[in-house]
């Protein structure tokens, strides 16, 4: 998908030309592909019309996102990614029918008609889902309240923490404005951020960097706002240094710990950088050397990697906050996320609350969306503000 993006960047053509060419050639290609003994011309025309209609509809969905100030991903390469997966749906039945025709001499037209009818239903039904996934759900910001039993916190009310992850800001849209309003309305005691603040496509864009500063500068809490950097390909050191250290309201933890006091109860925050080279367990052990084992400890690390989960559990971390997975951005009923891009394609802990030994893990579905040629969409995984309430349960 990165190659798709570079391909479009190198083309000396207006951006709409390639989608226009593909939209014209795709139906002709499918008309030729379905040239199978036993398949009448009418059915071939129907599959070609379907491809043309869906291609235009998809193009409109992607093209209007930046024009309406909603999402700012690369329109052409995102659309081509989407078109590629549609093409698979068209080609797989054609290959099967060709194999049948090769073995039996021809296929039954009524069988092809049923399959093409199913393709029409599936593809046309996907259009409203496409609209919902790009225009509705990415802006349906949810506040998920998560009570966590901490018997040692026996004050009059629980310690209230807002956890935010994966903002992936491109510009300030209604999602970012809603985020600030909802976080401020919660009046948290503490705000914790677990990385990926700017979208990878806009790392070097001054306007996106300023938008990120504006959003983050409005986050305030009595106990403070603490942050760690995210993926090394997104939150590059120079990018993070141009944003977070300039904000007086945010403390960036780079393999550091900080001790807070909540109504006489000590809370330890451990912030670690993403590290794929060194032992996470060793780094965590070193950071905890001067920390009393009986004090409540919260670990901030961007990825819910198996190595860090094991290290946190072995070290007796009480609460581990992560993001990175986006909850898959697409979840199917009864199945969940077909795949998650990070930290591996099929992680066990892709979103939500888990208990691993003594450690409570919460993996946020994040606020923003993936970059590069990935379509800016969410389906059945709305963006979330995690509102943790730590205290003794009644």
Protein backbone atom coordinates (compact mmCIF):
# COMPACT_ATOMS: atom_id res chain seq x y z
CA UNK A 1 0.00 0.00 0.00
CA UNK A 2 2.95 2.30 0.60
CA UNK A 3 4.07 1.48 -2.96
CA UNK A 4 0.62 2.49 -4.22
CA UNK A 5 1.04 5.86 -2.53
CA UNK A 6 4.48 6.42 -4.05
CA UNK A 7 3.17 5.34 -7.46
CA UNK A 8 0.57 8.10 -7.41
CA UNK A 9 3.06 10.67 -6.12
CA UNK A 10 5.36 9.98 -9.08
CA UNK A 11 2.70 10.21 -11.78
CA UNK A 12 2.92 13.51 -13.73
CA UNK A 13 -0.88 13.54 -14.12
CA UNK A 14 -3.78 15.34 -12.45
CA UNK A 15 -4.89 13.15 -9.53
CA UNK A 16 -8.33 12.38 -10.96
CA UNK A 17 -7.00 11.00 -14.26
CA UNK A 18 -5.91 7.57 -12.99
CA UNK A 19 -9.22 6.86 -11.16
CA UNK A 20 -11.04 7.95 -14.31
CA UNK A 21 -8.98 5.57 -16.45
CA UNK A 22 -9.40 2.71 -13.99
CA UNK A 23 -13.16 3.31 -13.74
CA UNK A 24 -13.43 3.03 -17.53
CA UNK A 25 -11.07 0.08 -17.99
CA UNK A 26 -12.26 -2.01 -15.04
CA UNK A 27 -15.71 -2.79 -16.52
CA UNK A 28 -14.11 -3.62 -19.87
CA UNK A 29 -11.64 -5.92 -18.14
CA UNK A 30 -14.40 -7.75 -16.25
CA UNK A 31 -16.50 -8.05 -19.42
CA UNK A 32 -13.49 -9.81 -20.97
CA UNK A 33 -12.77 -11.95 -17.87
CA UNK A 34 -16.34 -13.28 -17.83
CA UNK A 35 -16.04 -14.37 -21.45
CA UNK A 36 -16.63 -17.99 -20.46
CA UNK A 37 -18.44 -20.66 -22.48
CA UNK A 38 -22.06 -20.67 -21.38
CA UNK A 39 -22.10 -17.09 -20.02
CA UNK A 40 -24.38 -14.87 -22.14
CA UNK A 41 -23.41 -11.30 -23.01
CA UNK A 42 -26.18 -9.87 -20.81
CA UNK A 43 -24.59 -11.31 -17.65
CA UNK A 44 -21.18 -9.98 -18.69
CA UNK A 45 -22.72 -6.56 -19.22
CA UNK A 46 -24.32 -6.71 -15.76
CA UNK A 47 -21.01 -7.41 -14.01
CA UNK A 48 -19.37 -4.59 -15.98
CA UNK A 49 -22.14 -2.15 -15.02
CA UNK A 50 -21.82 -3.18 -11.36
CA UNK A 51 -18.08 -2.47 -11.38
CA UNK A 52 -18.63 0.91 -13.04
CA UNK A 53 -21.35 2.00 -10.59
CA UNK A 54 -19.43 0.93 -7.48
CA UNK A 55 -16.20 2.45 -8.72
CA UNK A 56 -17.87 5.84 -9.23
CA UNK A 57 -19.67 5.64 -5.90
CA UNK A 58 -16.46 4.76 -4.05
CA UNK A 59 -14.64 7.60 -5.76
CA UNK A 60 -17.32 10.06 -4.64
CA UNK A 61 -17.11 8.82 -1.04
CA UNK A 62 -13.36 9.34 -0.92
CA UNK A 63 -13.26 12.58 -2.90
CA UNK A 64 -15.75 14.44 -0.71
CA UNK A 65 -14.00 13.66 2.60
CA UNK A 66 -11.33 16.40 2.32
CA UNK A 67 -13.73 18.78 0.59
CA UNK A 68 -16.06 18.54 3.59
CA UNK A 69 -13.19 18.91 6.07
CA UNK A 70 -13.65 15.42 7.52
CA UNK A 71 -10.56 13.36 6.65
CA UNK A 72 -7.46 14.24 4.68
CA UNK A 73 -5.99 10.99 3.48
CA UNK A 74 -4.67 10.54 -0.08
CA UNK A 75 -7.86 10.16 -2.12
CA UNK A 76 -6.48 8.34 -5.14
CA UNK A 77 -4.38 5.70 -3.40
CA UNK A 78 -7.05 5.08 -0.73
CA UNK A 79 -9.65 4.61 -3.44
CA UNK A 80 -7.37 2.25 -5.35
CA UNK A 81 -6.86 0.16 -2.19
CA UNK A 82 -10.63 -0.10 -1.83
CA UNK A 83 -11.03 -0.92 -5.53
CA UNK A 84 -8.46 -3.70 -5.27
CA UNK A 85 -10.54 -5.54 -2.66
CA UNK A 86 -13.70 -5.09 -4.74
CA UNK A 87 -11.85 -6.54 -7.72
CA UNK A 88 -11.11 -9.69 -5.74
CA UNK A 89 -14.85 -10.21 -5.21
CA UNK A 90 -15.39 -10.00 -8.96
CA UNK A 91 -12.46 -12.19 -9.94
CA UNK A 92 -12.80 -15.11 -7.54
CA UNK A 93 -16.14 -16.35 -9.04
CA UNK A 94 -14.76 -15.82 -12.55
CA UNK A 95 -11.76 -18.02 -11.81
CA UNK A 96 -14.03 -20.72 -10.38
CA UNK A 97 -16.31 -20.60 -13.44
CA UNK A 98 -13.30 -20.77 -15.78
CA UNK A 99 -12.08 -23.89 -13.99
CA UNK A 100 -15.52 -25.47 -14.31
CA UNK A 101 -15.69 -24.55 -18.02
CA UNK A 102 -12.20 -25.95 -18.56
CA UNK A 103 -13.24 -29.26 -16.99
CA UNK A 104 -16.81 -29.56 -18.35
CA UNK A 105 -16.66 -27.47 -21.52
CA UNK A 106 -19.09 -24.79 -20.33
CA UNK A 107 -20.92 -23.44 -17.30
CA UNK A 108 -24.64 -23.17 -16.64
CA UNK A 109 -25.89 -19.65 -17.27
CA UNK A 110 -28.39 -19.83 -14.40
CA UNK A 111 -25.58 -20.54 -11.92
CA UNK A 112 -23.61 -17.55 -13.18
CA UNK A 113 -26.74 -15.42 -12.97
CA UNK A 114 -27.22 -16.35 -9.30
CA UNK A 115 -23.60 -15.49 -8.46
CA UNK A 116 -23.73 -12.18 -10.30
CA UNK A 117 -26.99 -11.39 -8.52
CA UNK A 118 -25.28 -12.06 -5.20
CA UNK A 119 -22.39 -9.82 -6.24
CA UNK A 120 -24.86 -7.03 -7.03
CA UNK A 121 -26.51 -7.39 -3.62
CA UNK A 122 -23.22 -7.50 -1.69
CA UNK A 123 -21.59 -4.63 -3.53
CA UNK A 124 -24.60 -2.31 -3.49
CA UNK A 125 -25.25 -3.10 0.17
CA UNK A 126 -21.63 -2.21 0.93
CA UNK A 127 -22.10 1.37 -0.27
CA UNK A 128 -24.16 2.58 2.73
CA UNK A 129 -21.69 0.77 4.99
CA UNK A 130 -18.89 2.61 3.23
CA UNK A 131 -20.68 5.89 3.89
CA UNK A 132 -21.19 5.00 7.53
CA UNK A 133 -17.58 3.87 7.98
CA UNK A 134 -16.12 7.08 6.52
CA UNK A 135 -18.66 9.80 7.31
CA UNK A 136 -20.42 8.68 10.50
CA UNK A 137 -18.50 6.31 12.73
CA UNK A 138 -15.08 8.08 12.73
CA UNK A 139 -16.84 11.03 14.37
CA UNK A 140 -19.01 9.05 16.79
CA UNK A 141 -16.59 9.59 19.67
CA UNK A 142 -17.49 7.35 22.61
CA UNK A 143 -16.69 7.76 26.31
CA UNK A 144 -16.08 4.26 27.69
CA UNK A 145 -16.20 4.25 31.49
CA UNK A 146 -14.08 1.45 32.94
CA UNK A 147 -14.27 0.81 36.72
CA UNK A 148 -11.14 -0.86 38.11
CA UNK A 149 -11.10 -2.32 41.57
CA UNK A 150 -8.20 -0.89 43.59
CA UNK A 151 -8.87 -1.62 47.28
CA UNK A 152 -5.99 0.61 48.41
CA UNK A 153 -7.72 3.63 46.90
CA UNK A 154 -10.39 4.04 49.55
CA UNK A 155 -11.03 7.77 49.32
CA UNK A 156 -14.48 9.32 49.00
CA UNK A 157 -14.48 8.87 45.25
CA UNK A 158 -12.40 6.94 42.71
CA UNK A 159 -9.34 8.32 41.00
CA UNK A 160 -10.61 9.39 37.58
CA UNK A 161 -8.24 9.02 34.64
CA UNK A 162 -8.74 9.83 30.97
CA UNK A 163 -6.67 7.64 28.66
CA UNK A 164 -6.24 8.80 25.04
CA UNK A 165 -4.33 7.04 22.30
CA UNK A 166 -3.70 7.24 18.56
CA UNK A 167 -5.07 10.70 17.82
CA UNK A 168 -3.45 10.63 14.33
CA UNK A 169 -4.35 14.28 13.76
CA UNK A 170 -4.35 15.58 10.17
CA UNK A 171 -6.33 18.78 10.72
CA UNK A 172 -8.76 19.92 13.37
CA UNK A 173 -12.08 18.36 12.42
CA UNK A 174 -15.30 17.92 14.36
CA UNK A 175 -13.78 14.79 15.93
CA UNK A 176 -10.96 16.78 17.55
CA UNK A 177 -13.33 19.53 18.66
CA UNK A 178 -15.67 16.95 20.18
CA UNK A 179 -12.70 15.30 21.90
CA UNK A 180 -11.77 18.44 23.81
CA UNK A 181 -15.37 19.15 24.82
CA UNK A 182 -15.94 15.62 26.11
CA UNK A 183 -12.62 15.33 27.96
CA UNK A 184 -13.14 18.66 29.70
CA UNK A 185 -16.69 17.67 30.66
CA UNK A 186 -15.34 14.56 32.42
CA UNK A 187 -13.10 16.71 34.67
CA UNK A 188 -10.53 13.93 35.14
CA UNK A 189 -7.97 13.98 37.91
CA UNK A 190 -5.28 12.73 35.53
CA UNK A 191 -4.84 12.43 31.74
CA UNK A 192 -2.57 9.80 30.22
CA UNK A 193 -1.58 9.69 26.54
CA UNK A 194 -0.10 6.64 24.81
CA UNK A 195 1.25 7.95 21.52
CA UNK A 196 0.71 8.45 17.78
CA UNK A 197 -0.37 12.09 17.95
CA UNK A 198 -0.07 13.06 14.28
CA UNK A 199 -0.96 11.08 11.17
CA UNK A 200 2.01 9.54 9.38
CA UNK A 201 1.10 11.33 6.14
CA UNK A 202 1.42 14.71 7.86
CA UNK A 203 4.48 14.24 10.09
CA UNK A 204 6.40 17.01 8.35
CA UNK A 205 3.39 19.23 7.64
CA UNK A 206 3.53 22.47 9.72
CA UNK A 207 -0.24 22.92 9.59
CA UNK A 208 -0.86 19.42 10.96
CA UNK A 209 1.79 19.91 13.63
CA UNK A 210 0.15 23.15 14.72
CA UNK A 211 -3.27 21.47 14.77
CA UNK A 212 -1.81 18.75 17.00
CA UNK A 213 -0.38 21.36 19.36
CA UNK A 214 -3.72 23.15 19.54
CA UNK A 215 -5.57 19.97 20.48
CA UNK A 216 -3.04 18.77 23.04
CA UNK A 217 -2.65 22.21 24.62
CA UNK A 218 -6.29 22.11 25.74
CA UNK A 219 -5.86 18.96 27.85
CA UNK A 220 -5.57 19.76 31.56
CA UNK A 221 -6.01 17.85 34.81
CA UNK A 222 -5.15 18.58 38.49
CA UNK A 223 -2.61 15.73 38.72
CA UNK A 224 -1.20 16.53 35.30
CA UNK A 225 -1.10 15.27 31.73
CA UNK A 226 1.55 12.62 31.02
CA UNK A 227 2.49 11.24 27.62
CA UNK A 228 4.72 8.72 25.91
CA UNK A 229 5.68 8.61 22.26
CA UNK A 230 4.07 6.11 19.93
CA UNK A 231 5.24 4.06 16.95
CA UNK A 232 8.76 4.88 15.84
CA UNK A 233 7.55 5.39 12.26
CA UNK A 234 4.83 7.84 13.34
CA UNK A 235 6.18 9.61 16.41
CA UNK A 236 9.70 10.09 15.13
CA UNK A 237 11.93 11.84 17.71
CA UNK A 238 12.17 15.08 15.73
CA UNK A 239 8.38 15.14 15.27
CA UNK A 240 7.69 14.53 18.95
CA UNK A 241 10.26 17.17 19.93
CA UNK A 242 8.55 19.72 17.70
CA UNK A 243 5.18 19.15 19.40
CA UNK A 244 5.14 17.82 22.97
CA UNK A 245 8.07 19.65 24.64
CA UNK A 246 6.61 22.96 23.44
CA UNK A 247 3.46 22.39 25.53
CA UNK A 248 3.73 23.42 29.18
CA UNK A 249 0.68 21.38 30.19
CA UNK A 250 2.13 18.00 29.11
CA UNK A 251 4.97 16.01 30.65
CA UNK A 252 6.67 13.67 28.18
CA UNK A 253 8.01 10.52 29.84
CA UNK A 254 10.90 8.95 27.96
CA UNK A 255 11.82 5.82 29.92
CA UNK A 256 11.04 7.69 33.10
CA UNK A 257 8.89 7.37 36.20
CA UNK A 258 6.98 10.00 38.14
CA UNK A 259 5.38 9.71 41.57
CA UNK A 260 2.00 11.37 42.16
CA UNK A 261 -0.04 11.83 45.31
CA UNK A 262 -3.77 11.16 45.24
CA UNK A 263 -5.28 12.16 48.57
CA UNK A 264 -2.27 10.73 50.41
CA UNK A 265 -2.09 7.62 48.19
CA UNK A 266 1.06 7.29 46.04
CA UNK A 267 0.59 6.57 42.34
CA UNK A 268 3.60 5.71 40.17
CA UNK A 269 3.48 6.47 36.43
CA UNK A 270 6.02 4.61 34.28
CA UNK A 271 6.44 5.90 30.73
CA UNK A 272 8.42 3.87 28.19
CA UNK A 273 9.45 4.52 24.61
CA UNK A 274 8.66 1.96 21.92
CA UNK A 275 11.78 -0.17 21.56
CA UNK A 276 12.18 -3.10 19.17
CA UNK A 277 15.91 -3.50 19.74
CA UNK A 278 16.44 -3.94 23.47
CA UNK A 279 14.87 -6.02 26.20
CA UNK A 280 11.65 -4.40 27.40
CA UNK A 281 11.76 -6.48 30.57
CA UNK A 282 15.25 -5.18 31.40
CA UNK A 283 14.26 -1.56 30.75
CA UNK A 284 11.16 -1.94 32.90
CA UNK A 285 13.12 -3.63 35.68
CA UNK A 286 15.64 -0.76 35.71
CA UNK A 287 12.87 1.85 35.88
CA UNK A 288 11.20 0.06 38.79
CA UNK A 289 14.38 -0.37 40.87
CA UNK A 290 13.68 2.68 43.02
CA UNK A 291 9.92 2.13 43.18
CA UNK A 292 8.34 0.58 46.28
CA UNK A 293 6.58 -2.63 45.31
CA UNK A 294 3.47 -1.80 47.33
CA UNK A 295 2.67 1.44 45.47
CA UNK A 296 0.09 1.41 42.68
CA UNK A 297 1.93 1.49 39.35
CA UNK A 298 0.60 2.49 35.94
CA UNK A 299 2.63 1.64 32.84
CA UNK A 300 2.29 3.68 29.63
CA UNK A 301 3.61 1.89 26.55
CA UNK A 302 2.16 2.45 23.10
CA UNK A 303 2.03 -1.17 21.91
CA UNK A 304 0.30 -4.09 23.65
CA UNK A 305 3.16 -6.31 22.52
CA UNK A 306 3.36 -9.85 23.94
CA UNK A 307 6.87 -9.12 25.23
CA UNK A 308 5.72 -6.08 27.18
CA UNK A 309 2.60 -7.82 28.47
CA UNK A 310 4.76 -10.61 29.88
CA UNK A 311 7.28 -8.14 31.30
CA UNK A 312 4.56 -6.04 32.95
CA UNK A 313 2.92 -9.08 34.50
CA UNK A 314 6.21 -10.46 35.81
CA UNK A 315 7.13 -7.03 37.25
CA UNK A 316 3.78 -6.77 39.05
CA UNK A 317 2.56 -3.70 37.15
CA UNK A 318 -0.95 -2.90 38.36
CA UNK A 319 -2.30 -1.15 35.25
CA UNK A 320 -0.88 -1.19 31.72
CA UNK A 321 -2.33 1.29 29.21
CA UNK A 322 -1.71 0.88 25.47
CA UNK A 323 -3.19 1.64 22.08
CA UNK A 324 -1.71 1.07 18.64
CA UNK A 325 -4.18 -1.51 17.31
CA UNK A 326 -7.12 0.85 16.62
CA UNK A 327 -9.24 -2.16 17.55
CA UNK A 328 -8.70 -3.29 13.96
CA UNK A 329 -10.77 -0.30 12.67
CA UNK A 330 -13.08 -2.95 11.19
CA UNK A 331 -14.92 -5.52 13.30
CA UNK A 332 -17.40 -8.05 12.00
CA UNK A 333 -20.28 -9.49 14.05
CA UNK A 334 -19.30 -12.67 15.93
CA UNK A 335 -15.84 -12.59 14.32
CA UNK A 336 -14.27 -9.39 15.58
CA UNK A 337 -11.39 -7.81 13.71
CA UNK A 338 -10.39 -9.92 10.66
CA UNK A 339 -6.88 -8.60 11.21
CA UNK A 340 -5.04 -5.89 13.12
CA UNK A 341 -2.11 -4.11 11.55
CA UNK A 342 -0.08 -3.88 14.75
CA UNK A 343 1.81 -5.34 16.58
CA UNK A 344 0.99 -8.48 14.63
CA UNK A 345 -1.82 -9.44 12.30
CA UNK A 346 -3.85 -11.51 14.76
CA UNK A 347 -3.09 -10.35 18.31
CA UNK A 348 -4.92 -11.83 21.26
CA UNK A 349 -5.29 -8.46 22.97
CA UNK A 350 -6.55 -6.14 20.25
CA UNK A 351 -8.85 -3.86 22.25
CA UNK A 352 -10.53 -3.47 25.61
CA UNK A 353 -9.89 -4.77 29.11
CA UNK A 354 -7.80 -7.84 29.98
CA UNK A 355 -6.41 -9.35 33.17
CA UNK A 356 -2.97 -10.94 32.81
CA UNK A 357 -1.82 -12.19 36.16
CA UNK A 358 -1.56 -9.21 38.52
CA UNK A 359 -1.72 -6.74 35.63
CA UNK A 360 -4.87 -5.09 34.29
CA UNK A 361 -4.34 -4.23 30.62
CA UNK A 362 -6.48 -1.77 28.69
CA UNK A 363 -5.94 -1.48 24.93
CA UNK A 364 -7.61 1.63 23.56
CA UNK A 365 -9.26 1.58 20.13
CA UNK A 366 -7.86 5.06 19.66
CA UNK A 367 -9.27 8.28 18.31
CA UNK A 368 -7.86 8.63 14.80
CA UNK A 369 -7.23 6.32 11.86
CA UNK A 370 -4.40 4.66 9.96
CA UNK A 371 -2.53 6.64 7.32
CA UNK A 372 -0.75 6.02 4.02
CA UNK A 373 -2.96 4.27 1.46
CA UNK A 374 -5.30 2.89 4.13
CA UNK A 375 -8.83 4.26 3.65
CA UNK A 376 -9.83 6.59 6.48
CA UNK A 377 -12.63 4.47 7.92
CA UNK A 378 -13.97 2.85 11.07
CA UNK A 379 -16.70 0.22 11.12
CA UNK A 380 -18.05 -1.16 14.39
CA UNK A 381 -15.00 0.34 16.14
CA UNK A 382 -15.92 3.91 17.08
CA UNK A 383 -13.17 6.20 18.38
CA UNK A 384 -12.98 6.20 22.13
CA UNK A 385 -12.10 8.22 25.19
CA UNK A 386 -11.23 5.75 27.95
CA UNK A 387 -12.50 6.99 31.34
CA UNK A 388 -10.91 4.85 34.05
CA UNK A 389 -12.28 4.96 37.58
CA UNK A 390 -9.85 3.47 40.08
CA UNK A 391 -11.15 2.73 43.55
CA UNK A 392 -12.50 0.21 46.01
CA UNK A 393 -15.62 -1.42 44.57
CA UNK A 394 -18.68 -1.44 46.79
